[in-house]
N, C-alpha and C. Protein backbone atom coordinates (compact mmCIF):
# COMPACT_ATOMS: atom_id res chain seq x y z
N MET A 1 -12.24 -25.20 -5.44
CA MET A 1 -11.85 -23.84 -5.19
C MET A 1 -11.37 -23.68 -3.76
N LEU A 2 -12.01 -24.31 -2.81
CA LEU A 2 -11.58 -24.25 -1.42
C LEU A 2 -10.19 -24.83 -1.28
N ALA A 3 -9.91 -25.92 -1.99
CA ALA A 3 -8.57 -26.52 -1.93
C ALA A 3 -7.52 -25.57 -2.47
N GLU A 4 -7.86 -24.81 -3.51
CA GLU A 4 -6.91 -23.84 -4.06
C GLU A 4 -6.55 -22.79 -3.03
N GLY A 5 -7.55 -22.23 -2.34
CA GLY A 5 -7.31 -21.22 -1.32
C GLY A 5 -6.48 -21.76 -0.18
N ALA A 6 -6.75 -22.98 0.22
CA ALA A 6 -5.99 -23.59 1.30
C ALA A 6 -4.54 -23.82 0.89
N ALA A 7 -4.31 -24.13 -0.38
CA ALA A 7 -2.96 -24.39 -0.85
C ALA A 7 -2.12 -23.12 -0.84
N LYS A 8 -2.74 -21.96 -0.94
CA LYS A 8 -2.01 -20.69 -0.97
C LYS A 8 -1.58 -20.22 0.42
N GLN A 9 -2.16 -20.78 1.45
CA GLN A 9 -1.82 -20.40 2.82
C GLN A 9 -0.54 -21.12 3.25
N PRO A 10 0.36 -20.40 3.96
CA PRO A 10 1.56 -21.09 4.43
C PRO A 10 1.20 -22.12 5.49
N PRO A 11 2.01 -23.16 5.63
CA PRO A 11 1.76 -24.13 6.70
C PRO A 11 1.76 -23.42 8.04
N SER A 12 1.05 -23.95 9.01
CA SER A 12 0.92 -23.25 10.30
C SER A 12 2.28 -22.99 10.93
N SER A 13 3.23 -23.89 10.79
CA SER A 13 4.55 -23.65 11.37
C SER A 13 5.22 -22.45 10.69
N ARG A 14 5.03 -22.32 9.38
CA ARG A 14 5.60 -21.18 8.64
C ARG A 14 4.88 -19.91 9.05
N ALA A 15 3.57 -19.98 9.21
CA ALA A 15 2.80 -18.82 9.64
C ALA A 15 3.26 -18.36 11.02
N ASP A 16 3.55 -19.31 11.90
CA ASP A 16 4.06 -18.98 13.23
C ASP A 16 5.42 -18.29 13.12
N GLU A 17 6.27 -18.78 12.22
CA GLU A 17 7.59 -18.16 12.02
C GLU A 17 7.43 -16.73 11.51
N ILE A 18 6.51 -16.51 10.60
CA ILE A 18 6.27 -15.17 10.05
C ILE A 18 5.76 -14.24 11.14
N THR A 19 4.83 -14.73 11.96
CA THR A 19 4.29 -13.93 13.06
C THR A 19 5.39 -13.54 14.04
N LYS A 20 6.26 -14.50 14.37
CA LYS A 20 7.38 -14.21 15.28
C LYS A 20 8.34 -13.20 14.67
N ALA A 21 8.67 -13.37 13.39
CA ALA A 21 9.59 -12.46 12.71
C ALA A 21 9.01 -11.05 12.67
N ARG A 22 7.72 -10.94 12.41
CA ARG A 22 7.07 -9.63 12.37
C ARG A 22 7.12 -8.97 13.75
N ALA A 23 6.81 -9.73 14.79
CA ALA A 23 6.84 -9.18 16.16
C ALA A 23 8.25 -8.73 16.53
N THR A 24 9.25 -9.51 16.15
CA THR A 24 10.64 -9.14 16.43
C THR A 24 11.02 -7.87 15.69
N ALA A 25 10.66 -7.79 14.41
CA ALA A 25 10.96 -6.60 13.61
C ALA A 25 10.28 -5.36 14.21
N HIS A 26 9.04 -5.50 14.64
CA HIS A 26 8.33 -4.37 15.23
C HIS A 26 8.99 -3.94 16.53
N ASP A 27 9.42 -4.88 17.33
CA ASP A 27 10.11 -4.55 18.58
C ASP A 27 11.41 -3.80 18.30
N HIS A 28 12.17 -4.26 17.32
CA HIS A 28 13.43 -3.60 16.97
C HIS A 28 13.16 -2.18 16.45
N LEU A 29 12.13 -2.03 15.65
CA LEU A 29 11.80 -0.69 15.13
C LEU A 29 11.38 0.25 16.26
N ARG A 30 10.55 -0.24 17.18
CA ARG A 30 10.13 0.59 18.30
C ARG A 30 11.33 1.09 19.09
N ARG A 31 12.29 0.19 19.33
CA ARG A 31 13.49 0.57 20.09
C ARG A 31 14.36 1.54 19.31
N ALA A 32 14.39 1.43 17.99
CA ALA A 32 15.19 2.35 17.17
C ALA A 32 14.51 3.71 17.06
N ILE A 33 13.20 3.73 17.02
CA ILE A 33 12.46 4.98 16.89
C ILE A 33 12.60 5.82 18.16
N GLN A 34 12.59 5.19 19.33
CA GLN A 34 12.64 5.92 20.59
C GLN A 34 13.80 6.91 20.68
N PRO A 35 15.06 6.50 20.39
CA PRO A 35 16.15 7.47 20.49
C PRO A 35 16.29 8.37 19.26
N GLY A 36 15.41 8.21 18.29
CA GLY A 36 15.46 9.08 17.11
C GLY A 36 16.39 8.61 16.01
N SER A 37 16.68 7.32 15.97
CA SER A 37 17.52 6.78 14.89
C SER A 37 16.85 7.00 13.55
N PRO A 38 17.62 7.29 12.49
CA PRO A 38 16.99 7.43 11.18
C PRO A 38 16.45 6.07 10.72
N ILE A 39 15.22 6.06 10.29
CA ILE A 39 14.55 4.84 9.84
C ILE A 39 14.35 4.97 8.33
N ALA A 40 14.76 3.96 7.59
CA ALA A 40 14.57 3.93 6.15
C ALA A 40 13.97 2.58 5.77
N PHE A 41 13.14 2.57 4.76
CA PHE A 41 12.63 1.28 4.31
C PHE A 41 12.56 1.25 2.79
N GLY A 42 12.57 0.04 2.29
CA GLY A 42 12.52 -0.18 0.85
C GLY A 42 11.88 -1.52 0.58
N THR A 43 12.33 -2.19 -0.45
CA THR A 43 11.69 -3.41 -0.89
C THR A 43 12.34 -4.69 -0.39
N GLU A 44 13.41 -4.60 0.37
CA GLU A 44 14.11 -5.80 0.83
C GLU A 44 13.48 -6.32 2.12
N SER A 45 12.21 -6.59 2.10
CA SER A 45 11.51 -7.02 3.30
C SER A 45 11.23 -8.51 3.25
N SER A 46 11.52 -9.18 4.33
CA SER A 46 11.21 -10.61 4.40
C SER A 46 9.88 -10.86 5.11
N VAL A 47 9.28 -9.80 5.63
CA VAL A 47 8.06 -9.95 6.40
C VAL A 47 6.81 -9.62 5.58
N TYR A 48 6.93 -8.69 4.65
CA TYR A 48 5.79 -8.28 3.83
C TYR A 48 5.91 -8.86 2.42
N PRO A 49 4.82 -9.37 1.86
CA PRO A 49 4.86 -9.87 0.49
C PRO A 49 5.20 -8.74 -0.49
N ASP A 50 5.78 -9.10 -1.62
CA ASP A 50 6.12 -8.12 -2.64
C ASP A 50 4.92 -7.26 -3.01
N GLY A 51 5.18 -5.98 -3.21
CA GLY A 51 4.14 -5.06 -3.64
C GLY A 51 3.31 -4.46 -2.54
N LEU A 52 3.51 -4.89 -1.30
CA LEU A 52 2.70 -4.38 -0.20
C LEU A 52 3.50 -3.48 0.74
N ASN A 53 4.70 -3.09 0.34
CA ASN A 53 5.53 -2.32 1.27
C ASN A 53 4.96 -0.94 1.58
N ALA A 54 4.03 -0.42 0.78
CA ALA A 54 3.39 0.85 1.12
C ALA A 54 2.60 0.73 2.42
N ARG A 55 2.14 -0.46 2.72
CA ARG A 55 1.42 -0.68 3.99
C ARG A 55 2.35 -0.47 5.18
N GLU A 56 3.64 -0.57 4.92
CA GLU A 56 4.60 -0.38 6.00
C GLU A 56 4.55 1.04 6.56
N LEU A 57 4.09 1.99 5.75
CA LEU A 57 3.93 3.36 6.25
C LEU A 57 3.03 3.38 7.48
N ALA A 58 1.89 2.72 7.39
CA ALA A 58 0.96 2.67 8.52
C ALA A 58 1.59 1.95 9.72
N VAL A 59 2.36 0.91 9.45
CA VAL A 59 3.04 0.19 10.53
C VAL A 59 4.04 1.10 11.22
N LEU A 60 4.83 1.86 10.44
CA LEU A 60 5.80 2.77 11.03
C LEU A 60 5.11 3.82 11.90
N VAL A 61 3.96 4.31 11.46
CA VAL A 61 3.21 5.27 12.26
C VAL A 61 2.71 4.61 13.55
N SER A 62 2.22 3.39 13.45
CA SER A 62 1.72 2.70 14.65
C SER A 62 2.85 2.40 15.64
N LEU A 63 4.08 2.37 15.14
CA LEU A 63 5.22 2.08 16.02
C LEU A 63 5.88 3.33 16.58
N GLY A 64 5.40 4.52 16.17
CA GLY A 64 5.90 5.73 16.78
C GLY A 64 6.36 6.86 15.88
N LEU A 65 6.46 6.63 14.57
CA LEU A 65 6.82 7.72 13.68
C LEU A 65 5.59 8.57 13.37
N SER A 66 5.81 9.84 13.08
CA SER A 66 4.69 10.66 12.59
C SER A 66 4.44 10.25 11.14
N PRO A 67 3.27 10.58 10.59
CA PRO A 67 3.03 10.25 9.18
C PRO A 67 4.10 10.84 8.25
N LEU A 68 4.53 12.06 8.51
CA LEU A 68 5.55 12.67 7.66
C LEU A 68 6.90 11.95 7.82
N GLU A 69 7.25 11.56 9.04
CA GLU A 69 8.49 10.80 9.24
C GLU A 69 8.44 9.46 8.51
N ALA A 70 7.28 8.83 8.49
CA ALA A 70 7.14 7.56 7.78
C ALA A 70 7.34 7.75 6.28
N ILE A 71 6.77 8.82 5.74
CA ILE A 71 6.95 9.10 4.31
C ILE A 71 8.43 9.36 4.03
N HIS A 72 9.08 10.12 4.88
CA HIS A 72 10.51 10.39 4.72
C HIS A 72 11.33 9.11 4.79
N ALA A 73 10.91 8.16 5.61
CA ALA A 73 11.64 6.90 5.73
C ALA A 73 11.69 6.15 4.41
N GLY A 74 10.65 6.28 3.61
CA GLY A 74 10.60 5.61 2.32
C GLY A 74 11.14 6.44 1.18
N SER A 75 11.50 7.68 1.46
CA SER A 75 11.98 8.54 0.38
C SER A 75 13.27 9.24 0.77
N ARG A 76 13.17 10.31 1.51
CA ARG A 76 14.34 11.14 1.81
C ARG A 76 15.42 10.40 2.58
N VAL A 77 15.06 9.72 3.66
CA VAL A 77 16.06 9.02 4.47
C VAL A 77 16.70 7.91 3.65
N ARG A 78 15.90 7.18 2.90
CA ARG A 78 16.44 6.10 2.07
C ARG A 78 17.41 6.66 1.02
N LEU A 79 17.03 7.77 0.41
CA LEU A 79 17.91 8.39 -0.58
C LEU A 79 19.21 8.86 0.07
N ASP A 80 19.12 9.48 1.24
CA ASP A 80 20.33 9.91 1.96
C ASP A 80 21.25 8.72 2.22
N ARG A 81 20.69 7.60 2.64
CA ARG A 81 21.50 6.41 2.94
C ARG A 81 22.15 5.88 1.66
N ARG A 82 21.42 5.88 0.58
CA ARG A 82 21.98 5.39 -0.69
C ARG A 82 23.13 6.29 -1.16
N LYS A 83 22.96 7.59 -1.00
CA LYS A 83 24.03 8.51 -1.40
C LYS A 83 25.30 8.27 -0.61
N ARG A 84 25.16 7.82 0.62
CA ARG A 84 26.31 7.53 1.48
C ARG A 84 26.90 6.14 1.21
N GLY A 85 26.26 5.38 0.34
CA GLY A 85 26.78 4.07 0.00
C GLY A 85 26.25 2.95 0.88
N ASN A 86 25.29 3.24 1.74
CA ASN A 86 24.72 2.23 2.61
C ASN A 86 23.52 1.61 1.91
N ARG A 87 23.75 0.56 1.15
CA ARG A 87 22.69 -0.07 0.35
C ARG A 87 21.72 -0.88 1.19
N ARG A 88 22.07 -1.20 2.42
CA ARG A 88 21.21 -2.03 3.26
C ARG A 88 20.36 -1.20 4.22
N ALA A 89 20.30 0.10 4.04
CA ALA A 89 19.49 0.94 4.93
C ALA A 89 18.04 0.53 4.79
N GLY A 90 17.36 0.41 5.93
CA GLY A 90 15.93 0.09 5.90
C GLY A 90 15.75 -1.32 6.08
């Protein structure tokens, strides 16, 4: 059983890459939030495993959005971007 759990963990070099990518993404988001850029998010995330993107709400709040702005980022802002034809918003 211990071997099974160890097999599910990414290699340390991959874990380091994920940690770096997450830190870079957070830095970019902080810089975008400061001037009031519209922030949208969806499921095209390379940093969060599938099905966990709701946790991104808390991350967005920790990076400077209000809770309501974070909710809007996953709903209203994303919908606005899609209506404009910007499929890569978020």
